[in-house]
Protein backbone atom coordinates (compact mmCIF):
# COMPACT_ATOMS: atom_id res chain seq x y z
CA UNK A 1 -73.45 111.70 3.67
CA UNK A 2 -76.89 111.11 2.16
CA UNK A 3 -79.21 108.49 3.61
CA UNK A 4 -81.04 106.39 1.09
CA UNK A 5 -84.77 106.24 1.45
CA UNK A 6 -85.74 102.65 0.90
CA UNK A 7 -89.29 101.53 0.49
CA UNK A 8 -90.11 99.35 3.43
CA UNK A 9 -91.48 95.96 2.71
CA UNK A 10 -94.66 95.16 4.55
CA UNK A 11 -94.45 92.71 7.43
CA UNK A 12 -97.50 90.85 6.12
CA UNK A 13 -98.09 90.31 2.40
CA UNK A 14 -101.22 91.74 0.84
CA UNK A 15 -102.49 88.22 0.10
CA UNK A 16 -102.30 87.35 3.78
CA UNK A 17 -104.76 90.14 4.63
CA UNK A 18 -107.35 88.55 2.33
CA UNK A 19 -106.55 85.06 3.63
CA UNK A 20 -106.93 86.38 7.17
CA UNK A 21 -110.32 87.87 6.38
CA UNK A 22 -111.52 84.57 4.92
CA UNK A 23 -110.39 82.88 8.15
CA UNK A 24 -112.15 85.54 10.22
CA UNK A 25 -115.33 84.78 8.30
CA UNK A 26 -114.98 81.07 9.13
CA UNK A 27 -114.53 81.97 12.79
CA UNK A 28 -117.60 84.19 12.39
CA UNK A 29 -119.77 81.07 12.36
CA UNK A 30 -118.90 80.71 16.04
CA UNK A 31 -118.25 84.31 17.09
CA UNK A 32 -119.99 86.98 15.05
CA UNK A 33 -117.52 89.68 16.05
CA UNK A 34 -114.74 88.16 13.93
CA UNK A 35 -116.84 88.50 10.77
CA UNK A 36 -117.51 92.13 11.68
CA UNK A 37 -113.79 92.72 12.14
CA UNK A 38 -113.18 91.05 8.77
CA UNK A 39 -115.63 93.24 6.88
CA UNK A 40 -114.16 96.37 8.47
CA UNK A 41 -110.66 95.35 7.31
CA UNK A 42 -112.02 94.58 3.82
CA UNK A 43 -113.66 98.02 3.62
CA UNK A 44 -110.38 99.67 4.64
CA UNK A 45 -108.22 97.70 2.18
CA UNK A 46 -110.51 97.65 -0.90
CA UNK A 47 -109.37 100.97 -2.39
CA UNK A 48 -105.59 100.73 -1.97
CA UNK A 49 -104.70 97.38 -3.49
CA UNK A 50 -104.12 95.69 -6.84
CA UNK A 51 -107.09 94.58 -9.01
CA UNK A 52 -106.79 90.90 -8.06
CA UNK A 53 -107.08 91.58 -4.35
CA UNK A 54 -109.67 94.29 -4.94
CA UNK A 55 -111.94 91.63 -6.44
CA UNK A 56 -111.47 89.53 -3.28
CA UNK A 57 -112.21 92.43 -0.96
CA UNK A 58 -115.36 93.31 -2.93
CA UNK A 59 -116.36 89.64 -2.81
CA UNK A 60 -115.77 89.53 0.95
CA UNK A 61 -117.74 92.71 1.55
CA UNK A 62 -120.70 91.41 -0.45
CA UNK A 63 -120.49 88.04 1.28
CA UNK A 64 -120.84 89.76 4.65
CA UNK A 65 -123.70 92.10 3.74
CA UNK A 66 -125.72 89.55 1.74
CA UNK A 67 -125.17 87.02 4.54
CA UNK A 68 -126.41 89.57 7.05
CA UNK A 69 -129.53 90.04 4.92
CA UNK A 70 -130.14 86.27 4.82
CA UNK A 71 -129.82 86.11 8.61
CA UNK A 72 -131.99 89.17 9.21
CA UNK A 73 -134.76 87.55 7.18
CA UNK A 74 -134.17 83.92 8.20
CA UNK A 75 -133.91 84.25 11.98
CA UNK A 76 -137.31 85.91 12.53
CA UNK A 77 -138.90 83.47 10.07
CA UNK A 78 -137.68 80.57 12.22
CA UNK A 79 -140.63 81.35 14.49
CA UNK A 80 -142.89 80.01 11.76
CA UNK A 81 -140.38 77.30 10.71
CA UNK A 82 -139.77 78.60 7.19
CA UNK A 83 -136.59 80.38 8.22
CA UNK A 84 -134.67 77.17 8.81
CA UNK A 85 -134.27 76.28 5.09
CA UNK A 86 -133.17 79.87 4.44
CA UNK A 87 -130.51 79.63 7.15
CA UNK A 88 -129.31 76.29 5.77
CA UNK A 89 -129.05 77.92 2.33
CA UNK A 90 -127.10 80.85 3.86
CA UNK A 91 -124.67 78.45 5.56
CA UNK A 92 -124.00 76.44 2.38
CA UNK A 93 -123.84 79.60 0.22
CA UNK A 94 -121.40 81.38 2.52
CA UNK A 95 -119.24 78.30 3.00
CA UNK A 96 -118.91 77.83 -0.77
CA UNK A 97 -118.02 81.52 -1.22
CA UNK A 98 -115.43 81.41 1.56
CA UNK A 99 -113.78 78.22 0.30
CA UNK A 100 -113.77 79.40 -3.32
CA UNK A 101 -112.30 82.78 -2.40
CA UNK A 102 -109.73 81.22 -0.10
CA UNK A 103 -108.48 78.87 -2.82
CA UNK A 104 -108.36 81.62 -5.44
CA UNK A 105 -106.52 84.10 -3.22
CA UNK A 106 -103.87 81.49 -2.44
CA UNK A 107 -103.35 81.08 -6.20
CA UNK A 108 -103.42 84.90 -6.57
CA UNK A 109 -106.32 84.68 -9.02
CA UNK A 110 -109.21 87.18 -9.04
CA UNK A 111 -112.84 86.46 -8.35
CA UNK A 112 -114.52 86.37 -11.79
CA UNK A 113 -117.67 88.20 -10.68
CA UNK A 114 -117.08 89.76 -7.26
CA UNK A 115 -120.45 91.51 -7.27
CA UNK A 116 -122.40 88.31 -7.88
CA UNK A 117 -125.19 87.24 -5.55
CA UNK A 118 -124.27 83.59 -6.00
CA UNK A 119 -120.75 82.19 -6.03
CA UNK A 120 -118.75 84.71 -8.03
């Protein structure tokens, strides 16, 4: 008797990985480690997924690294008070990117420009 080899369905849908990373980024405002975990997952998943989710993973990766750049420049500049507006800009910028990506991934729509420095 032959045993059929069935493709196993994943326990978690591919969309939920991206949604989870967006949520990890939100938690990253309070605990930085969750954002780091999120970017690691995005780097792992970016190459083996469909084009819609690939755009989200690229968007998430760029959000993390550009946000890290804003913080690396803004935090030391807070000593001379000009870093505070930069950190406010980073907060608003990242929040808009996270909300926009979250809404689009729930609708299973791609990010129009995932490599954008602004809002995609």
